[in-house]
Every structure is written in C-alpha cells, then in structure tokens.
C-alpha atoms as a PDB file:
ATOM      1  CA  MET A   1      96.141 -70.600  36.651  1.00  0.00           C
ATOM      2  CA  LYS A   2      96.698 -68.189  33.828  1.00  0.00           C
ATOM      3  CA  SER A   3      98.371 -65.955  36.273  1.00  0.00           C
ATOM      4  CA  TYR A   4     100.708 -68.743  37.523  1.00  0.00           C
ATOM      5  CA  PHE A   5     101.884 -69.487  34.005  1.00  0.00           C
ATOM      6  CA  LEU A   6     102.709 -65.768  33.361  1.00  0.00           C
ATOM      7  CA  VAL A   7     104.609 -65.586  36.619  1.00  0.00           C
ATOM      8  CA  ALA A   8     106.663 -68.641  35.673  1.00  0.00           C
ATOM      9  CA  ALA A   9     107.313 -67.484  32.041  1.00  0.00           C
ATOM     10  CA  PHE A  10     108.596 -64.133  33.520  1.00  0.00           C
ATOM     11  CA  THR A  11     110.771 -65.904  36.046  1.00  0.00           C
ATOM     12  CA  LEU A  12     112.298 -68.185  33.164  1.00  0.00           C
ATOM     13  CA  LEU A  13     113.076 -65.264  30.931  1.00  0.00           C
ATOM     14  CA  ILE A  14     114.876 -63.311  33.697  1.00  0.00           C
ATOM     15  CA  PHE A  15     116.941 -66.465  34.482  1.00  0.00           C
ATOM     16  CA  VAL A  16     118.012 -66.853  30.841  1.00  0.00           C
ATOM     17  CA  LEU A  17     119.053 -63.222  30.654  1.00  0.00           C
ATOM     18  CA  VAL A  18     121.093 -63.267  33.599  1.00  0.00           C
ATOM     19  CA  GLU A  19     122.776 -66.548  32.662  1.00  0.00           C
ATOM     20  CA  ASN A  20     123.732 -65.185  29.261  1.00  0.00           C
ATOM     21  CA  VAL A  21     125.251 -61.889  30.797  1.00  0.00           C
ATOM     22  CA  LEU A  22     127.351 -64.048  33.243  1.00  0.00           C
ATOM     23  CA  ALA A  23     128.414 -66.397  30.494  1.00  0.00           C
ATOM     24  CA  ALA A  24     129.401 -63.502  28.204  1.00  0.00           C
ATOM     25  CA  PRO A  25     133.219 -63.317  27.766  1.00  0.00           C
ATOM     26  CA  THR A  26     134.659 -60.462  29.813  1.00  0.00           C
ATOM     27  CA  GLN A  27     136.951 -57.900  28.055  1.00  0.00           C
ATOM     28  CA  PRO A  28     140.454 -57.876  29.401  1.00  0.00           C
ATOM     29  CA  GLU A  29     141.280 -54.351  30.878  1.00  0.00           C
ATOM     30  CA  ALA A  30     143.836 -52.050  29.269  1.00  0.00           C
ATOM     31  CA  PRO A  31     147.167 -52.611  30.907  1.00  0.00           C
ATOM     32  CA  VAL A  32     148.121 -49.830  33.121  1.00  0.00           C
ATOM     33  CA  THR A  33     151.350 -48.400  31.981  1.00  0.00           C
ATOM     34  CA  PRO A  34     153.289 -46.454  34.517  1.00  0.00           C
ATOM     35  CA  ASN A  35     154.525 -42.856  33.598  1.00  0.00           C
ATOM     36  CA  ALA A  36     157.981 -43.376  32.040  1.00  0.00           C
ATOM     37  CA  PRO A  37     160.767 -41.292  33.627  1.00  0.00           C
ATOM     38  CA  SER A  38     161.927 -38.250  31.643  1.00  0.00           C
ATOM     39  CA  SER A  39     164.983 -38.979  29.608  1.00  0.00           C
ATOM     40  CA  PRO A  40     168.080 -37.133  30.999  1.00  0.00           C
ATOM     41  CA  ASN A  41     168.241 -35.642  27.367  1.00  0.00           C
ATOM     42  CA  THR A  42     164.804 -34.325  27.301  1.00  0.00           C
ATOM     43  CA  PRO A  43     165.119 -30.943  25.662  1.00  0.00           C
ATOM     44  CA  ASN A  44     162.998 -29.098  28.283  1.00  0.00           C
ATOM     45  CA  LYS A  45     164.478 -30.668  31.190  1.00  0.00           C
ATOM     46  CA  THR A  46     164.922 -27.951  33.723  1.00  0.00           C
ATOM     47  CA  PHE A  47     168.540 -27.444  35.060  1.00  0.00           C
ATOM     48  CA  PHE A  48     169.151 -27.687  38.850  1.00  0.00           C
ATOM     49  CA  LEU A  49     172.204 -27.830  40.887  1.00  0.00           C
ATOM     50  CA  PRO A  50     172.678 -31.277  42.578  1.00  0.00           C
ATOM     51  CA  LYS A  51     171.537 -31.472  46.216  1.00  0.00           C
ATOM     52  CA  ASP A  52     175.207 -32.278  47.215  1.00  0.00           C
ATOM     53  CA  ALA A  53     176.519 -29.110  45.656  1.00  0.00           C
ATOM     54  CA  VAL A  54     178.553 -27.167  48.261  1.00  0.00           C
ATOM     55  CA  LYS A  55     177.955 -23.393  48.406  1.00  0.00           C
ATOM     56  CA  ILE A  56     181.213 -21.653  48.383  1.00  0.00           C
ATOM     57  CA  SER A  57     179.865 -18.083  47.942  1.00  0.00           C
ATOM     58  CA  GLU A  58     176.664 -16.513  46.715  1.00  0.00           C
ATOM     59  CA  ASP A  59     177.330 -17.541  43.117  1.00  0.00           C
ATOM     60  CA  LEU A  60     179.956 -20.454  43.316  1.00  0.00           C
ATOM     61  CA  PHE A  61     179.240 -23.998  44.038  1.00  0.00           C
ATOM     62  CA  ARG A  62     181.466 -26.888  44.241  1.00  0.00           C
ATOM     63  CA  LEU A  63     180.405 -30.170  42.664  1.00  0.00           C
ATOM     64  CA  ARG A  64     181.521 -33.506  43.655  1.00  0.00           C
ATOM     65  CA  SER A  65     184.767 -35.085  42.575  1.00  0.00           C
ATOM     66  CA  ALA A  66     184.841 -37.438  39.461  1.00  0.00           C
ATOM     67  CA  LYS A  67     187.147 -39.082  36.994  1.00  0.00           C
ATOM     68  CA  ASP A  68     188.140 -37.351  33.765  1.00  0.00           C
ATOM     69  CA  PRO A  69     187.218 -39.996  31.316  1.00  0.00           C
ATOM     70  CA  GLY A  70     190.130 -38.893  29.151  1.00  0.00           C
ATOM     71  CA  THR A  71     192.985 -39.117  31.415  1.00  0.00           C
ATOM     72  CA  ASN A  72     191.291 -41.033  34.492  1.00  0.00           C
ATOM     73  CA  GLU A  73     192.556 -38.308  36.705  1.00  0.00           C
ATOM     74  CA  SER A  74     190.598 -37.030  39.657  1.00  0.00           C
ATOM     75  CA  VAL A  75     188.871 -33.763  38.883  1.00  0.00           C
ATOM     76  CA  GLU A  76     186.491 -31.393  40.603  1.00  0.00           C
ATOM     77  CA  GLY A  77     183.647 -29.416  39.190  1.00  0.00           C
ATOM     78  CA  TYR A  78     182.452 -25.882  39.806  1.00  0.00           C
ATOM     79  CA  ALA A  79     179.199 -24.293  38.881  1.00  0.00           C
ATOM     80  CA  ILE A  80     179.292 -20.539  38.548  1.00  0.00           C
ATOM     81  CA  ILE A  81     175.692 -18.788  38.828  1.00  0.00           C
ATOM     82  CA  HIS A  82     175.465 -15.447  36.901  1.00  0.00           C
ATOM     83  CA  LYS A  83     172.624 -13.469  38.486  1.00  0.00           C
ATOM     84  CA  LYS A  84     170.522 -10.470  37.585  1.00  0.00           C
ATOM     85  CA  ALA A  85     171.633  -7.078  38.909  1.00  0.00           C
ATOM     86  CA  HIS A  86     168.639  -6.437  41.100  1.00  0.00           C
ATOM     87  CA  LEU A  87     169.837  -9.134  43.605  1.00  0.00           C
ATOM     88  CA  ARG A  88     172.484  -6.750  44.936  1.00  0.00           C
ATOM     89  CA  ASP A  89     171.343  -5.486  48.153  1.00  0.00           C
ATOM     90  CA  ALA A  90     169.709  -2.093  48.987  1.00  0.00           C
ATOM     91  CA  PHE A  91     172.945  -0.159  49.296  1.00  0.00           C
ATOM     92  CA  GLY A  92     174.294  -1.515  45.955  1.00  0.00           C
ATOM     93  CA  ALA A  93     176.832  -3.751  47.519  1.00  0.00           C
ATOM     94  CA  ALA A  94     177.140  -7.377  46.304  1.00  0.00           C
ATOM     95  CA  PRO A  95     177.775 -10.475  48.486  1.00  0.00           C
ATOM     96  CA  ALA A  96     181.382 -10.669  49.847  1.00  0.00           C
ATOM     97  CA  ARG A  97     183.653 -13.267  48.438  1.00  0.00           C
ATOM     98  CA  VAL A  98     184.640 -15.905  50.924  1.00  0.00           C
ATOM     99  CA  SER A  99     186.990 -17.824  48.726  1.00  0.00           C
ATOM    100  CA  ARG A 100     189.819 -16.840  46.021  1.00  0.00           C
ATOM    101  CA  PRO A 101     189.102 -13.069  46.247  1.00  0.00           C
ATOM    102  CA  ALA A 102     190.047 -11.067  43.137  1.00  0.00           C
ATOM    103  CA  LYS A 103     193.416  -9.436  43.002  1.00  0.00           C
ATOM    104  CA  LEU A 104     193.159  -5.646  42.859  1.00  0.00           C
ATOM    105  CA  SER A 105     195.657  -3.235  41.743  1.00  0.00           C
ATOM    106  CA  GLY A 106     194.579   0.421  41.168  1.00  0.00           C
ATOM    107  CA  SER A 107     191.563   0.167  38.437  1.00  0.00           C
ATOM    108  CA  THR A 108     192.787  -3.348  37.497  1.00  0.00           C
ATOM    109  CA  CYS A 109     190.622  -6.244  38.874  1.00  0.00           C
ATOM    110  CA  TYR A 110     190.825  -9.984  38.153  1.00  0.00           C
ATOM    111  CA  GLY A 111     190.431 -13.205  39.833  1.00  0.00           C
ATOM    112  CA  TYR A 112     190.744 -16.920  38.898  1.00  0.00           C
ATOM    113  CA  LEU A 113     188.808 -20.107  39.844  1.00  0.00           C
ATOM    114  CA  ALA A 114     192.121 -21.131  41.129  1.00  0.00           C
ATOM    115  CA  SER A 115     195.573 -19.909  40.617  1.00  0.00           C
ATOM    116  CA  GLY A 116     197.246 -21.837  37.607  1.00  0.00           C
ATOM    117  CA  ALA A 117     194.083 -23.703  36.493  1.00  0.00           C
ATOM    118  CA  LYS A 118     193.983 -23.050  32.852  1.00  0.00           C
ATOM    119  CA  TRP A 119     193.699 -25.124  29.418  1.00  0.00           C
ATOM    120  CA  LYS A 120     196.852 -26.906  28.509  1.00  0.00           C
ATOM    121  CA  GLN A 121     195.435 -28.551  25.526  1.00  0.00           C
ATOM    122  CA  VAL A 122     193.131 -27.225  22.912  1.00  0.00           C
ATOM    123  CA  GLU A 123     189.653 -28.888  22.647  1.00  0.00           C
ATOM    124  CA  PRO A 124     186.579 -28.262  20.383  1.00  0.00           C
ATOM    125  CA  TRP A 125     183.347 -27.138  21.498  1.00  0.00           C
ATOM    126  CA  VAL A 126     179.709 -27.376  20.473  1.00  0.00           C
ATOM    127  CA  VAL A 127     176.526 -25.021  20.711  1.00  0.00           C
ATOM    128  CA  ASN A 128     172.946 -25.806  20.204  1.00  0.00           C
ATOM    129  CA  PRO A 129     171.668 -22.514  18.968  1.00  0.00           C
ATOM    130  CA  ALA A 130     167.890 -23.242  19.192  1.00  0.00           C
ATOM    131  CA  ASN A 131     166.255 -20.483  21.197  1.00  0.00           C
ATOM    132  CA  GLY A 132     162.784 -18.958  21.651  1.00  0.00           C
ATOM    133  CA  SER A 133     163.827 -15.508  21.126  1.00  0.00           C
ATOM    134  CA  GLY A 134     164.383 -15.301  17.407  1.00  0.00           C
ATOM    135  CA  VAL A 135     168.044 -14.918  17.497  1.00  0.00           C
ATOM    136  CA  SER A 136     169.185 -16.819  14.334  1.00  0.00           C
ATOM    137  CA  ASP A 137     171.341 -19.806  14.533  1.00  0.00           C
ATOM    138  CA  ASN A 138     174.288 -18.131  12.758  1.00  0.00           C
ATOM    139  CA  ASP A 139     174.022 -14.975  15.054  1.00  0.00           C
ATOM    140  CA  VAL A 140     174.265 -17.506  18.081  1.00  0.00           C
ATOM    141  CA  PHE A 141     177.158 -19.307  16.616  1.00  0.00           C
ATOM    142  CA  ASP A 142     178.895 -16.064  15.703  1.00  0.00           C
ATOM    143  CA  VAL A 143     178.456 -14.575  19.269  1.00  0.00           C
ATOM    144  CA  PHE A 144     180.168 -17.626  20.896  1.00  0.00           C
ATOM    145  CA  SER A 145     183.081 -17.735  18.293  1.00  0.00           C
ATOM    146  CA  SER A 146     183.740 -13.987  18.467  1.00  0.00           C
ATOM    147  CA  SER A 147     183.561 -14.337  22.391  1.00  0.00           C
ATOM    148  CA  ILE A 148     186.308 -16.995  22.522  1.00  0.00           C
ATOM    149  CA  SER A 149     188.302 -15.058  20.106  1.00  0.00           C
ATOM    150  CA  LYS A 150     188.190 -11.878  22.346  1.00  0.00           C
ATOM    151  CA  TRP A 151     189.621 -13.872  25.238  1.00  0.00           C
ATOM    152  CA  GLU A 152     192.191 -15.608  23.200  1.00  0.00           C
ATOM    153  CA  ASP A 153     193.298 -12.235  21.576  1.00  0.00           C
ATOM    154  CA  ALA A 154     193.862 -10.650  24.900  1.00  0.00           C
ATOM    155  CA  THR A 155     196.245 -13.631  26.256  1.00  0.00           C
ATOM    156  CA  ASP A 156     199.318 -11.678  25.411  1.00  0.00           C
ATOM    157  CA  GLY A 157     198.129  -8.589  27.188  1.00  0.00           C
ATOM    158  CA  ASN A 158     197.074  -6.643  23.987  1.00  0.00           C
ATOM    159  CA  ILE A 159     193.947  -6.520  21.992  1.00  0.00           C
ATOM    160  CA  GLY A 160     193.744  -6.586  18.252  1.00  0.00           C
ATOM    161  CA  ASN A 161     197.293  -7.656  17.547  1.00  0.00           C
ATOM    162  CA  GLY A 162     196.352 -11.313  16.698  1.00  0.00           C
ATOM    163  CA  ALA A 163     199.308 -12.574  18.665  1.00  0.00           C
ATOM    164  CA  GLY A 164     197.261 -14.249  21.531  1.00  0.00           C
ATOM    165  CA  VAL A 165     196.939 -17.932  22.228  1.00  0.00           C
ATOM    166  CA  ASN A 166     194.814 -20.512  20.868  1.00  0.00           C
ATOM    167  CA  VAL A 167     193.051 -21.680  24.043  1.00  0.00           C
ATOM    168  CA  ILE A 168     189.678 -23.321  23.426  1.00  0.00           C
ATOM    169  CA  GLY A 169     189.787 -24.180  19.809  1.00  0.00           C
ATOM    170  CA  ASN A 170     187.135 -24.481  16.956  1.00  0.00           C
ATOM    171  CA  GLY A 171     183.390 -24.925  17.460  1.00  0.00           C
ATOM    172  CA  THR A 172     180.446 -26.538  15.763  1.00  0.00           C
ATOM    173  CA  SER A 173     176.814 -26.082  15.695  1.00  0.00           C
ATOM    174  CA  THR A 174     174.333 -28.838  16.332  1.00  0.00           C
ATOM    175  CA  SER A 175     170.667 -29.585  16.521  1.00  0.00           C
ATOM    176  CA  SER A 176     171.321 -32.414  19.029  1.00  0.00           C
ATOM    177  CA  VAL A 177     170.079 -32.217  22.540  1.00  0.00           C
ATOM    178  CA  LEU A 178     172.894 -31.229  24.940  1.00  0.00           C
ATOM    179  CA  GLU A 179     173.142 -31.495  28.727  1.00  0.00           C
ATOM    180  CA  ALA A 180     175.564 -29.760  31.265  1.00  0.00           C
ATOM    181  CA  ASP A 181     177.527 -32.214  33.292  1.00  0.00           C
ATOM    182  CA  THR A 182     177.115 -31.871  37.161  1.00  0.00           C
ATOM    183  CA  VAL A 183     177.953 -35.308  38.092  1.00  0.00           C
ATOM    184  CA  SER A 184     181.122 -36.002  36.189  1.00  0.00           C
ATOM    185  CA  PRO A 185     182.871 -34.539  32.821  1.00  0.00           C
ATOM    186  CA  ASP A 186     182.110 -36.357  29.452  1.00  0.00           C
ATOM    187  CA  ASN A 187     184.889 -34.874  27.505  1.00  0.00           C
ATOM    188  CA  LEU A 188     182.387 -32.328  25.566  1.00  0.00           C
ATOM    189  CA  ASN A 189     182.357 -28.648  26.005  1.00  0.00           C
ATOM    190  CA  GLU A 190     178.778 -27.481  25.196  1.00  0.00           C
ATOM    191  CA  ALA A 191     176.507 -24.450  25.530  1.00  0.00           C
ATOM    192  CA  TYR A 192     172.765 -24.254  24.868  1.00  0.00           C
ATOM    193  CA  PHE A 193     169.610 -22.574  25.963  1.00  0.00           C
ATOM    194  CA  GLY A 194     167.352 -24.229  28.481  1.00  0.00           C
ATOM    195  CA  ALA A 195     165.164 -23.834  31.483  1.00  0.00           C
ATOM    196  CA  ILE A 196     167.008 -23.092  34.923  1.00  0.00           C
ATOM    197  CA  GLU A 197     165.282 -23.827  38.123  1.00  0.00           C
ATOM    198  CA  ASP A 198     166.137 -20.348  39.671  1.00  0.00           C
ATOM    199  CA  SER A 199     164.437 -17.724  37.425  1.00  0.00           C
ATOM    200  CA  ASP A 200     166.852 -15.027  38.813  1.00  0.00           C
ATOM    201  CA  THR A 201     169.716 -16.899  37.098  1.00  0.00           C
ATOM    202  CA  ILE A 202     170.786 -15.627  33.839  1.00  0.00           C
ATOM    203  CA  ALA A 203     173.242 -18.308  32.864  1.00  0.00           C
ATOM    204  CA  VAL A 204     175.223 -21.076  34.490  1.00  0.00           C
ATOM    205  CA  THR A 205     178.842 -22.124  33.548  1.00  0.00           C
ATOM    206  CA  ILE A 206     180.147 -25.535  34.831  1.00  0.00           C
ATOM    207  CA  VAL A 207     183.980 -26.048  34.882  1.00  0.00           C
ATOM    208  CA  TRP A 208     185.754 -29.235  35.481  1.00  0.00           C
ATOM    209  CA  GLY A 209     189.375 -29.273  36.359  1.00  0.00           C
ATOM    210  CA  ILE A 210     192.214 -29.907  38.836  1.00  0.00           C
ATOM    211  CA  PHE A 211     191.909 -26.802  41.092  1.00  0.00           C
ATOM    212  CA  SER A 212     194.161 -27.950  44.122  1.00  0.00           C
ATOM    213  CA  GLY A 213     197.699 -29.310  44.599  1.00  0.00           C
ATOM    214  CA  PRO A 214     200.829 -27.869  43.028  1.00  0.00           C
ATOM    215  CA  THR A 215     199.970 -24.857  40.682  1.00  0.00           C
ATOM    216  CA  ARG A 216     201.941 -26.367  37.937  1.00  0.00           C
ATOM    217  CA  ASN A 217     199.701 -29.479  37.844  1.00  0.00           C
ATOM    218  CA  ARG A 218     196.323 -27.427  37.971  1.00  0.00           C
ATOM    219  CA  ALA A 219     194.325 -27.676  34.625  1.00  0.00           C
ATOM    220  CA  LEU A 220     190.844 -27.195  33.153  1.00  0.00           C
ATOM    221  CA  VAL A 221     189.473 -30.163  31.311  1.00  0.00           C
ATOM    222  CA  GLU A 222     185.805 -29.271  30.410  1.00  0.00           C
ATOM    223  CA  TRP A 223     183.144 -26.515  30.283  1.00  0.00           C
ATOM    224  CA  ASP A 224     179.491 -26.401  29.883  1.00  0.00           C
ATOM    225  CA  GLN A 225     176.908 -23.627  29.719  1.00  0.00           C
ATOM    226  CA  ILE A 226     173.199 -23.067  29.946  1.00  0.00           C
ATOM    227  CA  TYR A 227     171.474 -19.781  29.021  1.00  0.00           C
ATOM    228  CA  ASN A 228     168.081 -19.407  30.807  1.00  0.00           C
ATOM    229  CA  THR A 229     165.139 -19.514  28.457  1.00  0.00           C
ATOM    230  CA  VAL A 230     162.992 -17.605  31.035  1.00  0.00           C
ATOM    231  CA  TYR A 231     164.563 -14.482  29.582  1.00  0.00           C
ATOM    232  CA  GLU A 232     164.270 -13.116  26.044  1.00  0.00           C
ATOM    233  CA  TRP A 233     167.637 -12.668  24.339  1.00  0.00           C
ATOM    234  CA  SER A 234     168.813 -10.327  21.712  1.00  0.00           C
ATOM    235  CA  SER A 235     171.902  -9.874  19.460  1.00  0.00           C
ATOM    236  CA  THR A 236     171.394  -6.180  19.190  1.00  0.00           C
ATOM    237  CA  GLY A 237     171.309  -4.814  22.723  1.00  0.00           C
ATOM    238  CA  GLU A 238     167.305  -4.399  22.923  1.00  0.00           C
ATOM    239  CA  ALA A 239     165.879  -3.177  26.033  1.00  0.00           C
ATOM    240  CA  ASN A 240     164.014  -5.606  28.254  1.00  0.00           C
ATOM    241  CA  LYS A 241     166.090  -8.230  26.681  1.00  0.00           C
ATOM    242  CA  MET A 242     169.504 -10.052  27.666  1.00  0.00           C
ATOM    243  CA  ASP A 243     172.013  -9.161  25.184  1.00  0.00           C
ATOM    244  CA  LEU A 244     173.677 -12.315  23.956  1.00  0.00           C
ATOM    245  CA  ASP A 245     177.169 -10.943  23.280  1.00  0.00           C
ATOM    246  CA  ASN A 246     177.141  -9.345  26.709  1.00  0.00           C
ATOM    247  CA  ILE A 247     176.314 -12.542  28.595  1.00  0.00           C
ATOM    248  CA  VAL A 248     178.274 -14.851  26.436  1.00  0.00           C
ATOM    249  CA  THR A 249     181.648 -12.839  26.643  1.00  0.00           C
ATOM    250  CA  HIS A 250     181.359 -13.096  30.423  1.00  0.00           C
ATOM    251  CA  GLU A 251     180.517 -16.779  30.844  1.00  0.00           C
ATOM    252  CA  ILE A 252     183.342 -17.630  28.267  1.00  0.00           C
ATOM    253  CA  GLY A 253     185.724 -15.648  30.660  1.00  0.00           C
ATOM    254  CA  HIS A 254     184.729 -18.654  33.226  1.00  0.00           C
ATOM    255  CA  SER A 255     185.571 -21.433  30.592  1.00  0.00           C
ATOM    256  CA  PHE A 256     189.058 -19.672  30.374  1.00  0.00           C
ATOM    257  CA  GLY A 257     189.388 -19.867  34.209  1.00  0.00           C
ATOM    258  CA  MET A 258     188.338 -16.535  35.180  1.00  0.00           C
ATOM    259  CA  ASN A 259     186.376 -15.693  38.318  1.00  0.00           C
ATOM    260  CA  ASP A 260     183.578 -13.349  39.005  1.00  0.00           C
ATOM    261  CA  LEU A 261     184.187  -9.981  40.634  1.00  0.00           C
ATOM    262  CA  TYR A 262     181.908  -8.142  43.030  1.00  0.00           C
ATOM    263  CA  LYS A 263     183.703  -5.040  44.267  1.00  0.00           C
ATOM    264  CA  SER A 264     181.785  -1.776  43.078  1.00  0.00           C
ATOM    265  CA  PHE A 265     184.974  -0.448  41.625  1.00  0.00           C
ATOM    266  CA  CYS A 266     185.351  -3.525  39.428  1.00  0.00           C
ATOM    267  CA  SER A 267     181.845  -3.049  38.024  1.00  0.00           C
ATOM    268  CA  SER A 268     183.073  -1.951  34.609  1.00  0.00           C
ATOM    269  CA  GLN A 269     184.972  -5.198  33.957  1.00  0.00           C
ATOM    270  CA  THR A 270     183.579  -8.024  31.869  1.00  0.00           C
ATOM    271  CA  MET A 271     183.869 -10.396  34.726  1.00  0.00           C
ATOM    272  CA  TYR A 272     181.713  -8.321  37.168  1.00  0.00           C
ATOM    273  CA  GLY A 273     179.283 -10.838  38.629  1.00  0.00           C
ATOM    274  CA  TYR A 274     175.860  -9.125  37.857  1.00  0.00           C
ATOM    275  CA  ALA A 275     174.054  -8.129  34.401  1.00  0.00           C
ATOM    276  CA  ASP A 276     170.851  -6.719  33.503  1.00  0.00           C
ATOM    277  CA  PHE A 277     168.241  -6.191  30.621  1.00  0.00           C
ATOM    278  CA  GLY A 278     169.797  -4.287  27.623  1.00  0.00           C
ATOM    279  CA  GLU A 279     173.445  -4.253  29.153  1.00  0.00           C
ATOM    280  CA  THR A 280     176.019  -4.443  26.452  1.00  0.00           C
ATOM    281  CA  MET A 281     179.226  -3.172  28.215  1.00  0.00           C
ATOM    282  CA  LYS A 282     180.570  -6.584  28.891  1.00  0.00           C
ATOM    283  CA  ARG A 283     180.886  -7.133  25.046  1.00  0.00           C
ATOM    284  CA  THR A 284     184.350  -5.781  25.171  1.00  0.00           C
ATOM    285  CA  LEU A 285     187.210  -6.734  27.739  1.00  0.00           C
ATOM    286  CA  GLU A 286     188.448  -4.086  30.059  1.00  0.00           C
ATOM    287  CA  ALA A 287     191.734  -3.509  31.666  1.00  0.00           C
ATOM    288  CA  GLY A 288     191.258  -6.113  34.492  1.00  0.00           C
ATOM    289  CA  ASP A 289     189.963  -8.670  32.121  1.00  0.00           C
ATOM    290  CA  ILE A 290     193.008  -8.351  29.915  1.00  0.00           C
ATOM    291  CA  ASN A 291     195.615  -8.131  32.659  1.00  0.00           C
ATOM    292  CA  GLY A 292     194.076 -11.202  34.321  1.00  0.00           C
ATOM    293  CA  ILE A 293     193.911 -13.439  31.244  1.00  0.00           C
ATOM    294  CA  ASN A 294     197.530 -12.407  30.254  1.00  0.00           C
ATOM    295  CA  LYS A 295     198.977 -13.570  33.706  1.00  0.00           C
ATOM    296  CA  LEU A 296     196.996 -16.701  33.522  1.00  0.00           C
ATOM    297  CA  TYR A 297     198.127 -17.810  30.004  1.00  0.00           C
END
C-alpha cells in the first residue's frame, strides 16, 4: 500500500512539472535579418568592368551608350586599363592595336581616343586623396594639379611659356566617397584610390564623350579615375612602389583625349601603355605627347 502511494505521488509530480513547462510562455525568436546589399558608395567596393563592356583592344573597352545629364545628348563611355609592364610578351612586344592606331612620324608618337574628341568647355574636378601608402593629402592634390597643368601648358606646342589652353579647370579635395561611372556619366570628374578587380591593373580611366559622327561635333564630357590600392604608392619615385606623378600624368593624358601607345619606339612617351615600379620618366611630356596635344587643341 505504501509503495502504491509513493508511485502515485511521483506520477503526480511529473504531471505537474510537465504541465508547467508546457504552459510557460515561449520566447519569440529573434527576427532573421537578411544581409543588406553593399551600398554602391561603399569605400572598399571593388571596381570591375561591366559584363557588357566590349573589348576593343588589350587595354581599351567600350562601355554602353547613355545620356549626358547636362545636355541630354547621347554619349559613349570608354574604359582605358593601365597595366604593369611585365604583361608584355616574352619578346618585349605589346599587344597590337586593333582600333585608332597612333600616328607615327619619325620619333613623334601620339594617338587619340577619337580624332577631334576633346574638351569644349572647362569643368572642375575632385579628388579623394585618401590612400594606404602614406602619401599626404596635399601631395596627392598637388600631383593631380601639376599633371593637369603640364598637359594644358603643352596645348600650344611649347612647354614652359604659359601660353597653353585652360582645358580641365580647377580641382578640389574631398573626403567624400567617390565612384567611377561605368553605366552613365553624372557630370562629376573624379579621381580616387580604390580596389580594382584585376591586380595587374595599375589604374583605370573612364572617359565619356561623343566619339563618332562629324569630327566637329565630337567632344569629351566626363572623366573618372581609380588608382589601384593593391599597389604601394610614392610621391618620391621609391623602388617597389608606383610613382604617383608618373602614373597620374599618363592617366590625365587620357582625360584630355589622348590614347595609349604600344610601339616599342614610342616607349619613351608619357602615353606609352605600360608602367612599372619606381618608374618616373612619364612625369614629363615628350615630343610625341606635346605634338599630339597641340594638334588636338
């Protein structure tokens, strides 16, 4: 009898405990928040060419057509890729151009994105100087300013006489996040340091403009530039680093409408299409660069 009561009491205790557990309020699960998509203005967003970009040559890609927000005219975009020198083939030759070859006259070499495609109105530009290489903000801004001045000074065919044309205009420095435009122009000429998908690419310049039709109607309307943060940068020509002045002077040439050169006898020109660590010879414009910019402007 005693055993019967013990079993009954134990059974009742288990029933009460189970009932209390089941009756206890259930804590709501934390809502599952999906990963938010990266903002297009995220500072560390990697630059990559759109999938529909058309390869014109080894370094030149045609982007889609778009509308210039300032004039509502139809414009085209080009992305010019600046590669490291080691990508030349084993014989030192560079990929052959398949479009708009450079004009060659003795030791003079130059080429254009399109004949007659140039700036017809002065527009300001902006640079975000932030970089991970220790180059000061002032040095970055000064390099861009001086590089633009070099090309403007050469538009009359002479260096140092101050008689050139004001082509691109004045610049400012910003801490705002900038983004190169690969879909359509936004009326902002911008330059910044950022990650580029291809680690062999030193820099990319994107130029929007009118590149076809009657020569007199061709024009440039926007330029954007990205300098690859996979490389260390220097303002003093240090070995094992990319010299900022050397690379920016070349890239600004594209902003003025100049094209890359790949013939070996043009390798001393600023617009030669390859560069390497510690190189500084493109800091100054050479005969072909000067002759070309003079004929364009």
